[in-house]
Amino acid sequence: MLPSQAANPYVAQQKILGFHDAASQADALAIAPYLSMNLSPQGKPSSDEVAGWTVDQVLDHAEQHSLPQCTEWMEKNRE
C-alpha cells in the first residue's frame, strides 16, 4: 500500500506511483480525503458572513461545495 494526499492527485501520479516503478509493487493507493471548509480571503462567502452562519448553512455549504470537491479528489486519485 502506498500513501498519498487526497487533494493533490499529482503527488500520487508523479511522485509516489512513478518512483522506481512503485505502482507495480503495490496493491493499493491509500488517501485520506478531508472535507475542506477553507475560505479564500477575498472570496465569497466572506469570513464575516460565514461567522454568522447557522448550523444548517454550514451543513448546506458542506453538502453543496465540500463534499463534491472531496469526491472529485477521490475520483482523480482512482484514475
PDB file of N, CA and C in Angstrom:
ATOM      1  N   MET A   1       0.851  -1.167   0.000  1.00  0.00           N
ATOM      2  CA  MET A   1       0.000   0.000   0.000  1.00  0.00           C
ATOM      3  C   MET A   1       0.903   1.239   0.000  1.00  0.00           C
ATOM      4  N   LEU A   2       0.522   2.203  -0.818  1.00  0.00           N
ATOM      5  CA  LEU A   2       1.268   3.453  -0.897  1.00  0.00           C
ATOM      6  C   LEU A   2       0.391   4.608  -0.422  1.00  0.00           C
ATOM      7  N   PRO A   3       0.905   5.488   0.434  1.00  0.00           N
ATOM      8  CA  PRO A   3       0.123   6.620   0.922  1.00  0.00           C
ATOM      9  C   PRO A   3       0.270   7.839   0.011  1.00  0.00           C
ATOM     10  N   SER A   4      -0.769   8.671  -0.008  1.00  0.00           N
ATOM     11  CA  SER A   4      -0.711   9.916  -0.765  1.00  0.00           C
ATOM     12  C   SER A   4      -1.711  10.919  -0.222  1.00  0.00           C
ATOM     13  N   GLN A   5      -1.654  12.127  -0.783  1.00  0.00           N
ATOM     14  CA  GLN A   5      -2.578  13.203  -0.403  1.00  0.00           C
ATOM     15  C   GLN A   5      -3.824  13.121  -1.278  1.00  0.00           C
ATOM     16  N   ALA A   6      -4.975  13.168  -0.689  1.00  0.00           N
ATOM     17  CA  ALA A   6      -6.212  13.110  -1.463  1.00  0.00           C
ATOM     18  C   ALA A   6      -6.389  14.356  -2.329  1.00  0.00           C
ATOM     19  N   ALA A   7      -6.055  15.507  -1.805  1.00  0.00           N
ATOM     20  CA  ALA A   7      -6.341  16.763  -2.503  1.00  0.00           C
ATOM     21  C   ALA A   7      -5.354  17.074  -3.625  1.00  0.00           C
ATOM     22  N   ASN A   8      -4.335  16.240  -3.787  1.00  0.00           N
ATOM     23  CA  ASN A   8      -3.336  16.528  -4.802  1.00  0.00           C
ATOM     24  C   ASN A   8      -2.971  15.250  -5.568  1.00  0.00           C
ATOM     25  N   PRO A   9      -3.796  14.838  -6.533  1.00  0.00           N
ATOM     26  CA  PRO A   9      -3.528  13.606  -7.286  1.00  0.00           C
ATOM     27  C   PRO A   9      -2.187  13.624  -8.015  1.00  0.00           C
ATOM     28  N   TYR A  10      -1.673  14.806  -8.328  1.00  0.00           N
ATOM     29  CA  TYR A  10      -0.374  14.911  -8.993  1.00  0.00           C
ATOM     30  C   TYR A  10       0.709  14.234  -8.160  1.00  0.00           C
ATOM     31  N   VAL A  11       0.639  14.389  -6.856  1.00  0.00           N
ATOM     32  CA  VAL A  11       1.641  13.783  -5.974  1.00  0.00           C
ATOM     33  C   VAL A  11       1.632  12.269  -6.148  1.00  0.00           C
ATOM     34  N   ALA A  12       0.446  11.673  -6.163  1.00  0.00           N
ATOM     35  CA  ALA A  12       0.357  10.220  -6.335  1.00  0.00           C
ATOM     36  C   ALA A  12       0.889   9.800  -7.696  1.00  0.00           C
ATOM     37  N   GLN A  13       0.491  10.505  -8.740  1.00  0.00           N
ATOM     38  CA  GLN A  13       0.877  10.116 -10.097  1.00  0.00           C
ATOM     39  C   GLN A  13       2.364  10.291 -10.350  1.00  0.00           C
ATOM     40  N   GLN A  14       2.895  11.423 -10.010  1.00  0.00           N
ATOM     41  CA  GLN A  14       4.262  11.769 -10.392  1.00  0.00           C
ATOM     42  C   GLN A  14       5.313  11.421  -9.342  1.00  0.00           C
ATOM     43  N   LYS A  15       4.967  11.537  -8.098  1.00  0.00           N
ATOM     44  CA  LYS A  15       5.977  11.408  -7.043  1.00  0.00           C
ATOM     45  C   LYS A  15       5.955  10.052  -6.334  1.00  0.00           C
ATOM     46  N   ILE A  16       4.795   9.426  -6.237  1.00  0.00           N
ATOM     47  CA  ILE A  16       4.703   8.193  -5.456  1.00  0.00           C
ATOM     48  C   ILE A  16       4.620   6.964  -6.364  1.00  0.00           C
ATOM     49  N   LEU A  17       3.602   6.890  -7.196  1.00  0.00           N
ATOM     50  CA  LEU A  17       3.420   5.712  -8.042  1.00  0.00           C
ATOM     51  C   LEU A  17       4.539   5.560  -9.071  1.00  0.00           C
ATOM     52  N   GLY A  18       5.074   6.663  -9.537  1.00  0.00           N
ATOM     53  CA  GLY A  18       6.119   6.609 -10.540  1.00  0.00           C
ATOM     54  C   GLY A  18       7.516   6.439  -9.989  1.00  0.00           C
ATOM     55  N   PHE A  19       7.676   6.529  -8.693  1.00  0.00           N
ATOM     56  CA  PHE A  19       9.006   6.425  -8.091  1.00  0.00           C
ATOM     57  C   PHE A  19       9.520   4.990  -8.191  1.00  0.00           C
ATOM     58  N   HIS A  20      10.557   4.792  -8.972  1.00  0.00           N
ATOM     59  CA  HIS A  20      11.164   3.463  -9.150  1.00  0.00           C
ATOM     60  C   HIS A  20      10.119   2.379  -9.404  1.00  0.00           C
ATOM     61  N   ASP A  21       9.104   2.713 -10.212  1.00  0.00           N
ATOM     62  CA  ASP A  21       8.049   1.765 -10.584  1.00  0.00           C
ATOM     63  C   ASP A  21       7.299   1.211  -9.363  1.00  0.00           C
ATOM     64  N   ALA A  22       7.091   2.061  -8.364  1.00  0.00           N
ATOM     65  CA  ALA A  22       6.427   1.634  -7.121  1.00  0.00           C
ATOM     66  C   ALA A  22       5.018   1.093  -7.372  1.00  0.00           C
ATOM     67  N   ALA A  23       4.342   1.583  -8.404  1.00  0.00           N
ATOM     68  CA  ALA A  23       2.971   1.135  -8.682  1.00  0.00           C
ATOM     69  C   ALA A  23       2.913  -0.366  -8.924  1.00  0.00           C
ATOM     70  N   SER A  24       3.941  -0.929  -9.529  1.00  0.00           N
ATOM     71  CA  SER A  24       3.920  -2.371  -9.817  1.00  0.00           C
ATOM     72  C   SER A  24       4.130  -3.217  -8.561  1.00  0.00           C
ATOM     73  N   GLN A  25       4.574  -2.583  -7.491  1.00  0.00           N
ATOM     74  CA  GLN A  25       4.846  -3.305  -6.248  1.00  0.00           C
ATOM     75  C   GLN A  25       3.749  -3.145  -5.198  1.00  0.00           C
ATOM     76  N   ALA A  26       2.755  -2.324  -5.496  1.00  0.00           N
ATOM     77  CA  ALA A  26       1.708  -2.027  -4.500  1.00  0.00           C
ATOM     78  C   ALA A  26       0.358  -2.542  -4.975  1.00  0.00           C
ATOM     79  N   ASP A  27      -0.500  -2.825  -4.028  1.00  0.00           N
ATOM     80  CA  ASP A  27      -1.846  -3.269  -4.378  1.00  0.00           C
ATOM     81  C   ASP A  27      -2.905  -2.198  -4.150  1.00  0.00           C
ATOM     82  N   ALA A  28      -2.512  -1.078  -3.556  1.00  0.00           N
ATOM     83  CA  ALA A  28      -3.489  -0.018  -3.295  1.00  0.00           C
ATOM     84  C   ALA A  28      -2.791   1.323  -3.098  1.00  0.00           C
ATOM     85  N   LEU A  29      -3.531   2.378  -3.404  1.00  0.00           N
ATOM     86  CA  LEU A  29      -3.108   3.744  -3.101  1.00  0.00           C
ATOM     87  C   LEU A  29      -4.014   4.230  -1.972  1.00  0.00           C
ATOM     88  N   ALA A  30      -3.419   4.560  -0.850  1.00  0.00           N
ATOM     89  CA  ALA A  30      -4.195   4.973   0.321  1.00  0.00           C
ATOM     90  C   ALA A  30      -4.211   6.496   0.416  1.00  0.00           C
ATOM     91  N   ILE A  31      -5.403   7.058   0.391  1.00  0.00           N
ATOM     92  CA  ILE A  31      -5.557   8.500   0.571  1.00  0.00           C
ATOM     93  C   ILE A  31      -6.495   8.741   1.744  1.00  0.00           C
ATOM     94  N   ALA A  32      -6.398   9.909   2.323  1.00  0.00           N
ATOM     95  CA  ALA A  32      -7.275  10.279   3.436  1.00  0.00           C
ATOM     96  C   ALA A  32      -8.004  11.561   3.047  1.00  0.00           C
ATOM     97  N   PRO A  33      -9.138  11.423   2.371  1.00  0.00           N
ATOM     98  CA  PRO A  33      -9.840  12.633   1.941  1.00  0.00           C
ATOM     99  C   PRO A  33     -10.462  13.381   3.120  1.00  0.00           C
ATOM    100  N   TYR A  34     -10.203  14.648   3.154  1.00  0.00           N
ATOM    101  CA  TYR A  34     -10.759  15.531   4.177  1.00  0.00           C
ATOM    102  C   TYR A  34     -11.756  16.466   3.521  1.00  0.00           C
ATOM    103  N   LEU A  35     -12.734  16.904   4.277  1.00  0.00           N
ATOM    104  CA  LEU A  35     -13.657  17.920   3.788  1.00  0.00           C
ATOM    105  C   LEU A  35     -13.015  19.276   4.003  1.00  0.00           C
ATOM    106  N   SER A  36     -12.808  19.977   2.931  1.00  0.00           N
ATOM    107  CA  SER A  36     -12.197  21.290   3.025  1.00  0.00           C
ATOM    108  C   SER A  36     -13.269  22.346   3.253  1.00  0.00           C
ATOM    109  N   MET A  37     -13.097  23.087   4.298  1.00  0.00           N
ATOM    110  CA  MET A  37     -14.017  24.193   4.583  1.00  0.00           C
ATOM    111  C   MET A  37     -13.241  25.508   4.536  1.00  0.00           C
ATOM    112  N   ASN A  38     -12.153  25.515   3.757  1.00  0.00           N
ATOM    113  CA  ASN A  38     -11.330  26.711   3.632  1.00  0.00           C
ATOM    114  C   ASN A  38     -12.065  27.795   2.861  1.00  0.00           C
ATOM    115  N   LEU A  39     -11.806  29.025   3.256  1.00  0.00           N
ATOM    116  CA  LEU A  39     -12.383  30.170   2.572  1.00  0.00           C
ATOM    117  C   LEU A  39     -11.262  31.055   2.074  1.00  0.00           C
ATOM    118  N   SER A  40     -11.418  31.568   0.884  1.00  0.00           N
ATOM    119  CA  SER A  40     -10.437  32.482   0.321  1.00  0.00           C
ATOM    120  C   SER A  40     -10.570  33.840   1.017  1.00  0.00           C
ATOM    121  N   PRO A  41      -9.452  34.485   1.312  1.00  0.00           N
ATOM    122  CA  PRO A  41      -9.529  35.796   1.987  1.00  0.00           C
ATOM    123  C   PRO A  41     -10.373  36.820   1.224  1.00  0.00           C
ATOM    124  N   GLN A  42     -10.319  36.786  -0.105  1.00  0.00           N
ATOM    125  CA  GLN A  42     -11.121  37.711  -0.898  1.00  0.00           C
ATOM    126  C   GLN A  42     -12.307  37.009  -1.553  1.00  0.00           C
ATOM    127  N   GLY A  43     -12.579  35.800  -1.133  1.00  0.00           N
ATOM    128  CA  GLY A  43     -13.614  35.004  -1.783  1.00  0.00           C
ATOM    129  C   GLY A  43     -15.004  35.259  -1.249  1.00  0.00           C
ATOM    130  N   LYS A  44     -15.912  34.531  -1.838  1.00  0.00           N
ATOM    131  CA  LYS A  44     -17.302  34.574  -1.401  1.00  0.00           C
ATOM    132  C   LYS A  44     -17.675  33.168  -0.995  1.00  0.00           C
ATOM    133  N   PRO A  45     -18.269  32.978   0.128  1.00  0.00           N
ATOM    134  CA  PRO A  45     -18.677  33.993   1.093  1.00  0.00           C
ATOM    135  C   PRO A  45     -17.480  34.528   1.883  1.00  0.00           C
ATOM    136  N   SER A  46     -17.661  35.706   2.423  1.00  0.00           N
ATOM    137  CA  SER A  46     -16.603  36.312   3.231  1.00  0.00           C
ATOM    138  C   SER A  46     -16.565  35.647   4.606  1.00  0.00           C
ATOM    139  N   SER A  47     -15.432  35.786   5.271  1.00  0.00           N
ATOM    140  CA  SER A  47     -15.315  35.209   6.611  1.00  0.00           C
ATOM    141  C   SER A  47     -16.300  35.856   7.578  1.00  0.00           C
ATOM    142  N   ASP A  48     -16.598  37.128   7.380  1.00  0.00           N
ATOM    143  CA  ASP A  48     -17.587  37.797   8.237  1.00  0.00           C
ATOM    144  C   ASP A  48     -18.969  37.183   8.051  1.00  0.00           C
ATOM    145  N   GLU A  49     -19.304  36.889   6.801  1.00  0.00           N
ATOM    146  CA  GLU A  49     -20.608  36.274   6.535  1.00  0.00           C
ATOM    147  C   GLU A  49     -20.671  34.877   7.154  1.00  0.00           C
ATOM    148  N   VAL A  50     -19.619  34.091   6.978  1.00  0.00           N
ATOM    149  CA  VAL A  50     -19.593  32.724   7.498  1.00  0.00           C
ATOM    150  C   VAL A  50     -19.678  32.716   9.020  1.00  0.00           C
ATOM    151  N   ALA A  51     -19.094  33.713   9.657  1.00  0.00           N
ATOM    152  CA  ALA A  51     -19.132  33.788  11.119  1.00  0.00           C
ATOM    153  C   ALA A  51     -20.557  33.848  11.650  1.00  0.00           C
ATOM    154  N   GLY A  52     -21.488  34.312  10.831  1.00  0.00           N
ATOM    155  CA  GLY A  52     -22.876  34.408  11.262  1.00  0.00           C
ATOM    156  C   GLY A  52     -23.760  33.270  10.777  1.00  0.00           C
ATOM    157  N   TRP A  53     -23.185  32.283  10.110  1.00  0.00           N
ATOM    158  CA  TRP A  53     -23.984  31.169   9.591  1.00  0.00           C
ATOM    159  C   TRP A  53     -24.590  30.332  10.703  1.00  0.00           C
ATOM    160  N   THR A  54     -25.745  29.793  10.403  1.00  0.00           N
ATOM    161  CA  THR A  54     -26.379  28.816  11.283  1.00  0.00           C
ATOM    162  C   THR A  54     -25.771  27.445  10.990  1.00  0.00           C
ATOM    163  N   VAL A  55     -26.070  26.479  11.828  1.00  0.00           N
ATOM    164  CA  VAL A  55     -25.604  25.113  11.600  1.00  0.00           C
ATOM    165  C   VAL A  55     -26.116  24.606  10.258  1.00  0.00           C
ATOM    166  N   ASP A  56     -27.355  24.900   9.937  1.00  0.00           N
ATOM    167  CA  ASP A  56     -27.914  24.461   8.650  1.00  0.00           C
ATOM    168  C   ASP A  56     -27.142  25.049   7.468  1.00  0.00           C
ATOM    169  N   GLN A  57     -26.722  26.287   7.579  1.00  0.00           N
ATOM    170  CA  GLN A  57     -25.961  26.911   6.492  1.00  0.00           C
ATOM    171  C   GLN A  57     -24.584  26.257   6.335  1.00  0.00           C
ATOM    172  N   VAL A  58     -23.952  25.921   7.443  1.00  0.00           N
ATOM    173  CA  VAL A  58     -22.659  25.237   7.387  1.00  0.00           C
ATOM    174  C   VAL A  58     -22.827  23.874   6.719  1.00  0.00           C
ATOM    175  N   LEU A  59     -23.856  23.144   7.124  1.00  0.00           N
ATOM    176  CA  LEU A  59     -24.096  21.828   6.537  1.00  0.00           C
ATOM    177  C   LEU A  59     -24.466  21.933   5.060  1.00  0.00           C
ATOM    178  N   ASP A  60     -25.225  22.949   4.691  1.00  0.00           N
ATOM    179  CA  ASP A  60     -25.554  23.163   3.273  1.00  0.00           C
ATOM    180  C   ASP A  60     -24.281  23.429   2.465  1.00  0.00           C
ATOM    181  N   HIS A  61     -23.398  24.249   3.012  1.00  0.00           N
ATOM    182  CA  HIS A  61     -22.134  24.541   2.327  1.00  0.00           C
ATOM    183  C   HIS A  61     -21.323  23.253   2.149  1.00  0.00           C
ATOM    184  N   ALA A  62     -21.258  22.452   3.181  1.00  0.00           N
ATOM    185  CA  ALA A  62     -20.519  21.191   3.097  1.00  0.00           C
ATOM    186  C   ALA A  62     -21.113  20.289   2.022  1.00  0.00           C
ATOM    187  N   GLU A  63     -22.428  20.198   1.988  1.00  0.00           N
ATOM    188  CA  GLU A  63     -23.096  19.332   1.011  1.00  0.00           C
ATOM    189  C   GLU A  63     -22.930  19.844  -0.420  1.00  0.00           C
ATOM    190  N   GLN A  64     -23.015  21.144  -0.608  1.00  0.00           N
ATOM    191  CA  GLN A  64     -23.005  21.718  -1.953  1.00  0.00           C
ATOM    192  C   GLN A  64     -21.596  21.974  -2.492  1.00  0.00           C
ATOM    193  N   HIS A  65     -20.611  22.164  -1.608  1.00  0.00           N
ATOM    194  CA  HIS A  65     -19.274  22.532  -2.060  1.00  0.00           C
ATOM    195  C   HIS A  65     -18.194  21.543  -1.608  1.00  0.00           C
ATOM    196  N   SER A  66     -18.136  21.297  -0.315  1.00  0.00           N
ATOM    197  CA  SER A  66     -17.042  20.488   0.230  1.00  0.00           C
ATOM    198  C   SER A  66     -17.126  19.023  -0.184  1.00  0.00           C
ATOM    199  N   LEU A  67     -18.295  18.418  -0.097  1.00  0.00           N
ATOM    200  CA  LEU A  67     -18.437  17.012  -0.476  1.00  0.00           C
ATOM    201  C   LEU A  67     -18.170  16.783  -1.958  1.00  0.00           C
ATOM    202  N   PRO A  68     -18.717  17.607  -2.862  1.00  0.00           N
ATOM    203  CA  PRO A  68     -18.385  17.408  -4.278  1.00  0.00           C
ATOM    204  C   PRO A  68     -16.885  17.572  -4.564  1.00  0.00           C
ATOM    205  N   GLN A  69     -16.239  18.521  -3.907  1.00  0.00           N
ATOM    206  CA  GLN A  69     -14.802  18.708  -4.093  1.00  0.00           C
ATOM    207  C   GLN A  69     -14.036  17.477  -3.614  1.00  0.00           C
ATOM    208  N   CYS A  70     -14.400  16.954  -2.468  1.00  0.00           N
ATOM    209  CA  CYS A  70     -13.751  15.772  -1.917  1.00  0.00           C
ATOM    210  C   CYS A  70     -13.967  14.564  -2.835  1.00  0.00           C
ATOM    211  N   THR A  71     -15.167  14.425  -3.355  1.00  0.00           N
ATOM    212  CA  THR A  71     -15.474  13.334  -4.281  1.00  0.00           C
ATOM    213  C   THR A  71     -14.632  13.444  -5.543  1.00  0.00           C
ATOM    214  N   GLU A  72     -14.462  14.654  -6.037  1.00  0.00           N
ATOM    215  CA  GLU A  72     -13.625  14.871  -7.226  1.00  0.00           C
ATOM    216  C   GLU A  72     -12.179  14.446  -6.957  1.00  0.00           C
ATOM    217  N   TRP A  73     -11.655  14.795  -5.788  1.00  0.00           N
ATOM    218  CA  TRP A  73     -10.296  14.390  -5.437  1.00  0.00           C
ATOM    219  C   TRP A  73     -10.170  12.867  -5.436  1.00  0.00           C
ATOM    220  N   MET A  74     -11.155  12.177  -4.847  1.00  0.00           N
ATOM    221  CA  MET A  74     -11.103  10.723  -4.788  1.00  0.00           C
ATOM    222  C   MET A  74     -11.149  10.118  -6.190  1.00  0.00           C
ATOM    223  N   GLU A  75     -12.009  10.653  -7.051  1.00  0.00           N
ATOM    224  CA  GLU A  75     -12.113  10.141  -8.413  1.00  0.00           C
ATOM    225  C   GLU A  75     -10.813  10.335  -9.185  1.00  0.00           C
ATOM    226  N   LYS A  76     -10.187  11.483  -9.031  1.00  0.00           N
ATOM    227  CA  LYS A  76      -8.918  11.736  -9.734  1.00  0.00           C
ATOM    228  C   LYS A  76      -7.815  10.819  -9.224  1.00  0.00           C
ATOM    229  N   ASN A  77      -7.816  10.510  -7.956  1.00  0.00           N
ATOM    230  CA  ASN A  77      -6.823   9.573  -7.430  1.00  0.00           C
ATOM    231  C   ASN A  77      -7.108   8.146  -7.901  1.00  0.00           C
ATOM    232  N   ARG A  78      -8.364   7.815  -8.076  1.00  0.00           N
ATOM    233  CA  ARG A  78      -8.718   6.473  -8.557  1.00  0.00           C
ATOM    234  C   ARG A  78      -8.189   6.263  -9.971  1.00  0.00           C
ATOM    235  N   GLU A  79      -8.199   7.330 -10.786  1.00  0.00           N
ATOM    236  CA  GLU A  79      -7.694   7.221 -12.151  1.00  0.00           C
ATOM    237  C   GLU A  79      -6.245   6.787 -12.151  1.00  0.00           C
TER     238      GLU A  79
END
